[in-house]
Amino acid sequence: MRVFKDAYIEQIPIKIHMYHTFSKRLRGLMFRKKPLNAEGILLTPCNSIHMFFMYIAIDAVFLDNNDQIVYQKENVKPWTVILPKKNAVSVLELPVGTISTYSLRIGNKLEY
């Protein structure tokens, strides 16, 4: 995954799994017991998430049609709900700490 910030590109060593079907999006990371490690999932279409039946926390990054960050939340705990976000069309569920480690900010454009 690459992050475009102003005039440079930063590589992020995370493998992104695409979840495009209803059943994959619904299940997401439910019942997973091991924390994410150098991997994440892209839920699309999606503008909200639930953490029901989750055992791990995640960082969540909400993207618009141009793959720009429109909302982000660090360390989202199990049994949390993030309501629909305006202009979001997909959500990246990433390992805890990804947002702060790579200084992701609203407006950054991602390429995965």
N, C-alpha and C. Protein backbone atom coordinates (compact mmCIF):
# COMPACT_ATOMS: atom_id res chain seq x y z
N MET A 1 0.85 -1.17 0.00
CA MET A 1 0.00 0.00 0.00
C MET A 1 0.90 1.24 0.00
N ARG A 2 0.52 2.24 -0.78
CA ARG A 2 1.27 3.49 -0.81
C ARG A 2 0.36 4.63 -0.35
N VAL A 3 0.96 5.57 0.33
CA VAL A 3 0.26 6.76 0.79
C VAL A 3 0.84 7.96 0.07
N PHE A 4 -0.01 8.74 -0.57
CA PHE A 4 0.41 9.96 -1.24
C PHE A 4 0.19 11.12 -0.28
N LYS A 5 1.28 11.76 0.12
CA LYS A 5 1.21 12.89 1.04
C LYS A 5 1.90 14.06 0.38
N ASP A 6 1.13 15.05 0.05
CA ASP A 6 1.68 16.23 -0.59
C ASP A 6 2.55 15.84 -1.79
N ALA A 7 3.88 15.89 -1.65
CA ALA A 7 4.74 15.68 -2.81
C ALA A 7 5.54 14.39 -2.77
N TYR A 8 5.22 13.47 -1.86
CA TYR A 8 5.99 12.24 -1.86
C TYR A 8 5.09 11.03 -1.60
N ILE A 9 5.63 9.86 -1.87
CA ILE A 9 4.91 8.61 -1.69
C ILE A 9 5.61 7.80 -0.61
N GLU A 10 4.82 7.30 0.32
CA GLU A 10 5.37 6.47 1.39
C GLU A 10 4.81 5.05 1.25
N GLN A 11 5.69 4.08 1.22
CA GLN A 11 5.29 2.68 1.14
C GLN A 11 4.91 2.18 2.53
N ILE A 12 3.84 1.40 2.59
CA ILE A 12 3.42 0.76 3.83
C ILE A 12 3.40 -0.74 3.56
N PRO A 13 4.20 -1.52 4.28
CA PRO A 13 4.31 -2.96 4.00
C PRO A 13 3.14 -3.77 4.58
N ILE A 14 1.97 -3.55 4.02
CA ILE A 14 0.78 -4.25 4.47
C ILE A 14 0.10 -4.85 3.24
N LYS A 15 -0.18 -6.15 3.30
CA LYS A 15 -0.92 -6.82 2.24
C LYS A 15 -2.41 -6.59 2.47
N ILE A 16 -3.11 -6.13 1.43
CA ILE A 16 -4.53 -5.83 1.54
C ILE A 16 -5.34 -6.92 0.84
N HIS A 17 -6.27 -7.53 1.58
CA HIS A 17 -7.20 -8.51 1.03
C HIS A 17 -8.50 -7.79 0.68
N MET A 18 -9.01 -8.00 -0.52
CA MET A 18 -10.23 -7.34 -0.98
C MET A 18 -11.46 -8.16 -0.59
N TYR A 19 -12.40 -7.55 0.10
CA TYR A 19 -13.66 -8.19 0.47
C TYR A 19 -14.79 -7.44 -0.25
N HIS A 20 -15.23 -7.98 -1.38
CA HIS A 20 -16.24 -7.31 -2.21
C HIS A 20 -17.62 -7.93 -2.11
N THR A 21 -17.72 -9.17 -1.67
CA THR A 21 -19.04 -9.83 -1.63
C THR A 21 -19.74 -9.53 -0.30
N PHE A 22 -21.06 -9.63 -0.31
CA PHE A 22 -21.84 -9.36 0.90
C PHE A 22 -21.39 -10.25 2.05
N SER A 23 -21.23 -11.54 1.79
CA SER A 23 -20.88 -12.46 2.88
C SER A 23 -19.49 -12.18 3.45
N LYS A 24 -18.53 -11.86 2.58
CA LYS A 24 -17.18 -11.53 3.08
C LYS A 24 -17.19 -10.23 3.87
N ARG A 25 -17.92 -9.22 3.37
CA ARG A 25 -18.00 -7.95 4.09
C ARG A 25 -18.69 -8.13 5.44
N LEU A 26 -19.76 -8.92 5.47
CA LEU A 26 -20.48 -9.14 6.72
C LEU A 26 -19.59 -9.83 7.75
N ARG A 27 -18.87 -10.84 7.33
CA ARG A 27 -18.02 -11.58 8.25
C ARG A 27 -16.77 -10.79 8.62
N GLY A 28 -16.15 -10.15 7.64
CA GLY A 28 -14.96 -9.35 7.91
C GLY A 28 -13.94 -10.11 8.73
N LEU A 29 -13.60 -9.57 9.89
CA LEU A 29 -12.60 -10.18 10.77
C LEU A 29 -13.24 -10.85 11.99
N MET A 30 -14.56 -11.09 11.92
CA MET A 30 -15.23 -11.73 13.05
C MET A 30 -14.58 -13.07 13.37
N PHE A 31 -14.49 -13.35 14.65
CA PHE A 31 -13.99 -14.61 15.19
C PHE A 31 -12.47 -14.80 15.04
N ARG A 32 -11.80 -13.85 14.45
CA ARG A 32 -10.34 -13.95 14.33
C ARG A 32 -9.73 -13.69 15.71
N LYS A 33 -8.81 -14.54 16.11
CA LYS A 33 -8.21 -14.41 17.44
C LYS A 33 -6.82 -13.80 17.42
N LYS A 34 -6.10 -13.96 16.29
CA LYS A 34 -4.75 -13.40 16.19
C LYS A 34 -4.83 -11.97 15.66
N PRO A 35 -4.06 -11.05 16.25
CA PRO A 35 -4.04 -9.67 15.74
C PRO A 35 -3.55 -9.64 14.29
N LEU A 36 -3.98 -8.63 13.57
CA LEU A 36 -3.48 -8.42 12.21
C LEU A 36 -1.99 -8.12 12.27
N ASN A 37 -1.25 -8.67 11.33
CA ASN A 37 0.19 -8.45 11.29
C ASN A 37 0.59 -8.29 9.82
N ALA A 38 0.89 -7.07 9.42
CA ALA A 38 1.29 -6.77 8.04
C ALA A 38 0.23 -7.16 7.03
N GLU A 39 -1.04 -7.12 7.44
CA GLU A 39 -2.14 -7.40 6.53
C GLU A 39 -3.37 -6.60 6.97
N GLY A 40 -4.28 -6.43 6.05
CA GLY A 40 -5.52 -5.74 6.34
C GLY A 40 -6.56 -6.16 5.33
N ILE A 41 -7.78 -5.66 5.52
CA ILE A 41 -8.83 -5.97 4.55
C ILE A 41 -9.48 -4.68 4.08
N LEU A 42 -9.90 -4.70 2.82
CA LEU A 42 -10.64 -3.58 2.23
C LEU A 42 -12.06 -4.05 2.03
N LEU A 43 -12.99 -3.40 2.71
CA LEU A 43 -14.41 -3.69 2.58
C LEU A 43 -15.00 -2.68 1.60
N THR A 44 -15.57 -3.17 0.51
CA THR A 44 -16.16 -2.26 -0.47
C THR A 44 -17.31 -2.92 -1.19
N PRO A 45 -18.44 -2.27 -1.37
CA PRO A 45 -18.78 -0.95 -0.83
C PRO A 45 -19.04 -1.04 0.67
N CYS A 46 -18.70 0.02 1.38
CA CYS A 46 -18.87 0.04 2.84
C CYS A 46 -18.65 1.46 3.34
N ASN A 47 -19.52 1.91 4.24
CA ASN A 47 -19.32 3.23 4.84
C ASN A 47 -19.48 3.22 6.35
N SER A 48 -19.63 2.01 6.94
CA SER A 48 -19.72 1.87 8.39
C SER A 48 -19.22 0.47 8.75
N ILE A 49 -18.85 0.28 10.01
CA ILE A 49 -18.42 -1.05 10.43
C ILE A 49 -18.97 -1.37 11.81
N HIS A 50 -19.06 -2.66 12.09
CA HIS A 50 -19.36 -3.13 13.44
C HIS A 50 -18.23 -4.06 13.87
N MET A 51 -18.05 -4.15 15.15
CA MET A 51 -16.99 -5.00 15.69
C MET A 51 -17.59 -6.15 16.52
N PHE A 52 -18.82 -6.55 16.17
CA PHE A 52 -19.47 -7.64 16.87
C PHE A 52 -18.71 -8.94 16.64
N PHE A 53 -18.59 -9.73 17.68
CA PHE A 53 -17.92 -11.04 17.63
C PHE A 53 -16.45 -10.93 17.21
N MET A 54 -15.85 -9.80 17.53
CA MET A 54 -14.43 -9.61 17.23
C MET A 54 -13.65 -9.79 18.52
N TYR A 55 -12.44 -10.32 18.37
CA TYR A 55 -11.56 -10.53 19.51
C TYR A 55 -10.35 -9.61 19.48
N ILE A 56 -10.20 -8.88 18.40
CA ILE A 56 -9.02 -8.02 18.23
C ILE A 56 -9.46 -6.59 17.95
N ALA A 57 -8.61 -5.64 18.31
CA ALA A 57 -8.83 -4.24 17.95
C ALA A 57 -8.17 -3.98 16.59
N ILE A 58 -8.62 -2.93 15.92
CA ILE A 58 -8.08 -2.56 14.60
C ILE A 58 -8.00 -1.05 14.48
N ASP A 59 -7.29 -0.58 13.47
CA ASP A 59 -7.38 0.80 13.01
C ASP A 59 -8.30 0.76 11.79
N ALA A 60 -9.21 1.71 11.68
CA ALA A 60 -10.15 1.76 10.56
C ALA A 60 -9.95 3.06 9.79
N VAL A 61 -9.82 2.93 8.46
CA VAL A 61 -9.62 4.08 7.57
C VAL A 61 -10.73 4.06 6.53
N PHE A 62 -11.54 5.11 6.50
CA PHE A 62 -12.67 5.22 5.58
C PHE A 62 -12.25 6.05 4.37
N LEU A 63 -12.52 5.52 3.18
CA LEU A 63 -12.08 6.13 1.93
C LEU A 63 -13.25 6.55 1.06
N ASP A 64 -13.03 7.60 0.26
CA ASP A 64 -14.04 8.04 -0.71
C ASP A 64 -13.79 7.39 -2.07
N ASN A 65 -14.52 7.84 -3.09
CA ASN A 65 -14.38 7.29 -4.45
C ASN A 65 -12.98 7.48 -5.04
N ASN A 66 -12.22 8.44 -4.54
CA ASN A 66 -10.87 8.70 -5.03
C ASN A 66 -9.80 8.08 -4.15
N ASP A 67 -10.21 7.20 -3.24
CA ASP A 67 -9.30 6.54 -2.29
C ASP A 67 -8.59 7.54 -1.37
N GLN A 68 -9.28 8.64 -1.08
CA GLN A 68 -8.77 9.61 -0.11
C GLN A 68 -9.43 9.33 1.23
N ILE A 69 -8.66 9.50 2.30
CA ILE A 69 -9.18 9.28 3.64
C ILE A 69 -10.16 10.38 3.99
N VAL A 70 -11.39 9.97 4.37
CA VAL A 70 -12.41 10.93 4.80
C VAL A 70 -12.68 10.82 6.30
N TYR A 71 -12.26 9.71 6.90
CA TYR A 71 -12.43 9.50 8.34
C TYR A 71 -11.49 8.38 8.75
N GLN A 72 -11.00 8.44 9.97
CA GLN A 72 -10.17 7.35 10.48
C GLN A 72 -10.36 7.26 11.98
N LYS A 73 -10.18 6.05 12.49
CA LYS A 73 -10.33 5.81 13.93
C LYS A 73 -9.28 4.79 14.34
N GLU A 74 -8.49 5.17 15.34
CA GLU A 74 -7.45 4.28 15.84
C GLU A 74 -7.98 3.38 16.95
N ASN A 75 -7.41 2.19 17.03
CA ASN A 75 -7.66 1.27 18.13
C ASN A 75 -9.15 1.05 18.39
N VAL A 76 -9.86 0.65 17.35
CA VAL A 76 -11.29 0.38 17.48
C VAL A 76 -11.44 -0.97 18.18
N LYS A 77 -12.11 -0.96 19.31
CA LYS A 77 -12.22 -2.14 20.17
C LYS A 77 -13.38 -3.04 19.74
N PRO A 78 -13.30 -4.34 20.12
CA PRO A 78 -14.43 -5.25 19.88
C PRO A 78 -15.72 -4.69 20.47
N TRP A 79 -16.82 -5.03 19.82
CA TRP A 79 -18.19 -4.65 20.20
C TRP A 79 -18.46 -3.15 20.02
N THR A 80 -17.66 -2.48 19.22
CA THR A 80 -17.86 -1.07 18.88
C THR A 80 -18.58 -0.99 17.54
N VAL A 81 -19.33 0.09 17.34
CA VAL A 81 -19.97 0.36 16.06
C VAL A 81 -19.51 1.74 15.59
N ILE A 82 -19.13 1.84 14.33
CA ILE A 82 -18.85 3.14 13.72
C ILE A 82 -19.95 3.36 12.70
N LEU A 83 -20.76 4.37 12.94
CA LEU A 83 -21.90 4.68 12.09
C LEU A 83 -21.44 5.16 10.71
N PRO A 84 -22.35 5.15 9.74
CA PRO A 84 -21.98 5.58 8.37
C PRO A 84 -21.30 6.95 8.36
N LYS A 85 -20.25 7.04 7.54
CA LYS A 85 -19.49 8.27 7.39
C LYS A 85 -19.76 8.89 6.02
N LYS A 86 -20.01 10.17 6.02
CA LYS A 86 -20.32 10.91 4.79
C LYS A 86 -19.17 10.76 3.79
N ASN A 87 -19.51 10.48 2.55
CA ASN A 87 -18.59 10.34 1.42
C ASN A 87 -17.76 9.06 1.44
N ALA A 88 -17.87 8.24 2.48
CA ALA A 88 -17.09 6.99 2.52
C ALA A 88 -17.75 5.94 1.64
N VAL A 89 -16.93 5.24 0.86
CA VAL A 89 -17.43 4.15 0.00
C VAL A 89 -16.70 2.85 0.29
N SER A 90 -15.61 2.90 1.06
CA SER A 90 -14.89 1.69 1.44
C SER A 90 -14.16 1.93 2.76
N VAL A 91 -13.82 0.81 3.41
CA VAL A 91 -13.13 0.88 4.69
C VAL A 91 -11.95 -0.07 4.67
N LEU A 92 -10.81 0.43 5.08
CA LEU A 92 -9.62 -0.40 5.30
C LEU A 92 -9.53 -0.73 6.78
N GLU A 93 -9.52 -2.02 7.10
CA GLU A 93 -9.31 -2.47 8.46
C GLU A 93 -7.85 -2.91 8.56
N LEU A 94 -7.11 -2.23 9.42
CA LEU A 94 -5.65 -2.36 9.47
C LEU A 94 -5.18 -2.73 10.88
N PRO A 95 -3.95 -3.20 11.00
CA PRO A 95 -3.41 -3.49 12.34
C PRO A 95 -3.42 -2.24 13.22
N VAL A 96 -3.66 -2.45 14.50
CA VAL A 96 -3.61 -1.34 15.45
C VAL A 96 -2.23 -0.69 15.37
N GLY A 97 -2.22 0.63 15.33
CA GLY A 97 -0.97 1.38 15.26
C GLY A 97 -0.59 1.84 13.87
N THR A 98 -1.27 1.33 12.83
CA THR A 98 -0.94 1.71 11.46
C THR A 98 -1.14 3.20 11.22
N ILE A 99 -2.24 3.74 11.70
CA ILE A 99 -2.54 5.16 11.48
C ILE A 99 -1.44 6.04 12.06
N SER A 100 -1.06 5.78 13.30
CA SER A 100 -0.03 6.64 13.92
C SER A 100 1.36 6.34 13.39
N THR A 101 1.68 5.08 13.15
CA THR A 101 3.02 4.72 12.66
C THR A 101 3.32 5.39 11.33
N TYR A 102 2.33 5.44 10.43
CA TYR A 102 2.55 6.00 9.10
C TYR A 102 1.95 7.39 8.95
N SER A 103 1.56 8.01 10.06
CA SER A 103 1.04 9.38 10.07
C SER A 103 -0.07 9.58 9.03
N LEU A 104 -1.00 8.62 8.95
CA LEU A 104 -2.12 8.77 8.02
C LEU A 104 -2.99 9.92 8.49
N ARG A 105 -3.49 10.70 7.54
CA ARG A 105 -4.30 11.87 7.85
C ARG A 105 -5.46 11.95 6.87
N ILE A 106 -6.54 12.58 7.32
CA ILE A 106 -7.67 12.84 6.44
C ILE A 106 -7.15 13.64 5.25
N GLY A 107 -7.54 13.22 4.05
CA GLY A 107 -7.08 13.87 2.82
C GLY A 107 -5.98 13.11 2.11
N ASN A 108 -5.23 12.25 2.85
CA ASN A 108 -4.22 11.43 2.19
C ASN A 108 -4.89 10.52 1.18
N LYS A 109 -4.24 10.30 0.05
CA LYS A 109 -4.73 9.37 -0.96
C LYS A 109 -3.95 8.08 -0.85
N LEU A 110 -4.66 6.97 -0.84
CA LEU A 110 -4.02 5.65 -0.72
C LEU A 110 -4.06 4.92 -2.04
N GLU A 111 -3.06 4.10 -2.27
CA GLU A 111 -3.04 3.21 -3.41
C GLU A 111 -2.68 1.84 -2.87
N TYR A 112 -3.48 0.85 -3.22
CA TYR A 112 -3.24 -0.50 -2.69
C TYR A 112 -3.34 -1.52 -3.78
